[in-house]
């Protein structure tokens, strides 16, 4: 697969990144910390 956007802190306050797996499926991962 390919990383489209590396995981990083974003302006909306979450940790976000996206990738395309070897089957061509797009994945977007968003993590919200409960602090």
N, C-alpha and C. Protein backbone atom coordinates (compact mmCIF):
# COMPACT_ATOMS: atom_id res chain seq x y z
N UNK A 1 0.81 -1.19 0.00
CA UNK A 1 0.00 0.00 0.00
C UNK A 1 0.85 1.25 0.00
N UNK A 2 0.18 2.38 -0.07
CA UNK A 2 0.85 3.69 -0.08
C UNK A 2 0.24 4.61 0.96
N UNK A 3 1.10 5.31 1.67
CA UNK A 3 0.65 6.33 2.62
C UNK A 3 0.33 7.58 1.81
N UNK A 4 -0.90 8.04 1.90
CA UNK A 4 -1.31 9.27 1.21
C UNK A 4 -1.04 10.49 2.09
N UNK A 5 -1.32 10.34 3.39
CA UNK A 5 -1.11 11.43 4.35
C UNK A 5 -0.62 10.79 5.64
N UNK A 6 0.63 11.01 6.03
CA UNK A 6 1.14 10.40 7.26
C UNK A 6 0.33 10.83 8.49
N UNK A 7 0.24 9.95 9.48
CA UNK A 7 -0.44 10.28 10.72
C UNK A 7 0.23 11.49 11.36
N UNK A 8 -0.59 12.47 11.74
CA UNK A 8 -0.07 13.71 12.34
C UNK A 8 -1.20 14.42 13.08
N UNK A 9 -0.82 15.30 14.01
CA UNK A 9 -1.80 16.15 14.67
C UNK A 9 -2.39 17.10 13.64
N UNK A 10 -3.71 17.30 13.70
CA UNK A 10 -4.39 18.14 12.73
C UNK A 10 -4.98 19.37 13.40
N UNK A 11 -5.37 20.35 12.58
CA UNK A 11 -5.88 21.62 13.11
C UNK A 11 -7.19 21.46 13.88
N UNK A 12 -7.94 20.38 13.63
CA UNK A 12 -9.20 20.17 14.36
C UNK A 12 -8.98 19.45 15.69
N UNK A 13 -7.71 19.17 16.03
CA UNK A 13 -7.38 18.64 17.34
C UNK A 13 -7.22 17.13 17.43
N UNK A 14 -7.39 16.41 16.33
CA UNK A 14 -7.24 14.96 16.32
C UNK A 14 -5.95 14.56 15.62
N UNK A 15 -5.67 13.26 15.69
CA UNK A 15 -4.51 12.66 15.03
C UNK A 15 -5.08 11.94 13.81
N UNK A 16 -4.63 12.29 12.60
CA UNK A 16 -5.27 11.81 11.38
C UNK A 16 -4.24 11.44 10.33
N UNK A 17 -4.59 10.44 9.52
CA UNK A 17 -3.77 10.04 8.39
C UNK A 17 -4.60 9.22 7.42
N UNK A 18 -4.08 9.03 6.20
CA UNK A 18 -4.80 8.21 5.22
C UNK A 18 -3.82 7.40 4.40
N UNK A 19 -4.34 6.29 3.86
CA UNK A 19 -3.51 5.40 3.05
C UNK A 19 -4.39 4.66 2.05
N UNK A 20 -3.73 4.03 1.06
CA UNK A 20 -4.40 3.15 0.11
C UNK A 20 -3.74 1.79 0.26
N UNK A 21 -4.55 0.74 0.53
CA UNK A 21 -3.96 -0.58 0.72
C UNK A 21 -3.66 -1.25 -0.62
N UNK A 22 -3.10 -2.44 -0.57
CA UNK A 22 -2.67 -3.12 -1.80
C UNK A 22 -3.83 -3.52 -2.70
N UNK A 23 -5.06 -3.46 -2.20
CA UNK A 23 -6.23 -3.78 -3.01
C UNK A 23 -6.89 -2.53 -3.59
N UNK A 24 -6.30 -1.36 -3.32
CA UNK A 24 -6.84 -0.11 -3.83
C UNK A 24 -7.91 0.52 -2.95
N UNK A 25 -8.06 -0.01 -1.73
CA UNK A 25 -9.05 0.54 -0.80
C UNK A 25 -8.45 1.72 -0.04
N UNK A 26 -9.16 2.85 -0.05
CA UNK A 26 -8.72 4.04 0.67
C UNK A 26 -9.12 3.93 2.13
N UNK A 27 -8.19 4.22 3.03
CA UNK A 27 -8.44 4.21 4.46
C UNK A 27 -8.11 5.58 5.03
N UNK A 28 -9.01 6.10 5.87
CA UNK A 28 -8.77 7.32 6.61
C UNK A 28 -8.90 6.98 8.09
N UNK A 29 -7.86 7.29 8.87
CA UNK A 29 -7.83 6.97 10.29
C UNK A 29 -7.82 8.27 11.08
N UNK A 30 -8.77 8.39 11.99
CA UNK A 30 -8.87 9.58 12.84
C UNK A 30 -8.91 9.12 14.29
N UNK A 31 -8.03 9.67 15.11
CA UNK A 31 -7.98 9.32 16.52
C UNK A 31 -8.22 10.56 17.36
N UNK A 32 -9.22 10.48 18.25
CA UNK A 32 -9.52 11.57 19.18
C UNK A 32 -9.07 11.17 20.57
N UNK A 33 -8.20 11.95 21.16
CA UNK A 33 -7.75 11.68 22.52
C UNK A 33 -8.79 12.21 23.50
N UNK A 34 -9.10 11.42 24.51
CA UNK A 34 -10.06 11.83 25.53
C UNK A 34 -9.32 12.35 26.74
N UNK A 35 -8.72 13.53 26.62
CA UNK A 35 -7.93 14.06 27.73
C UNK A 35 -8.67 15.09 28.55
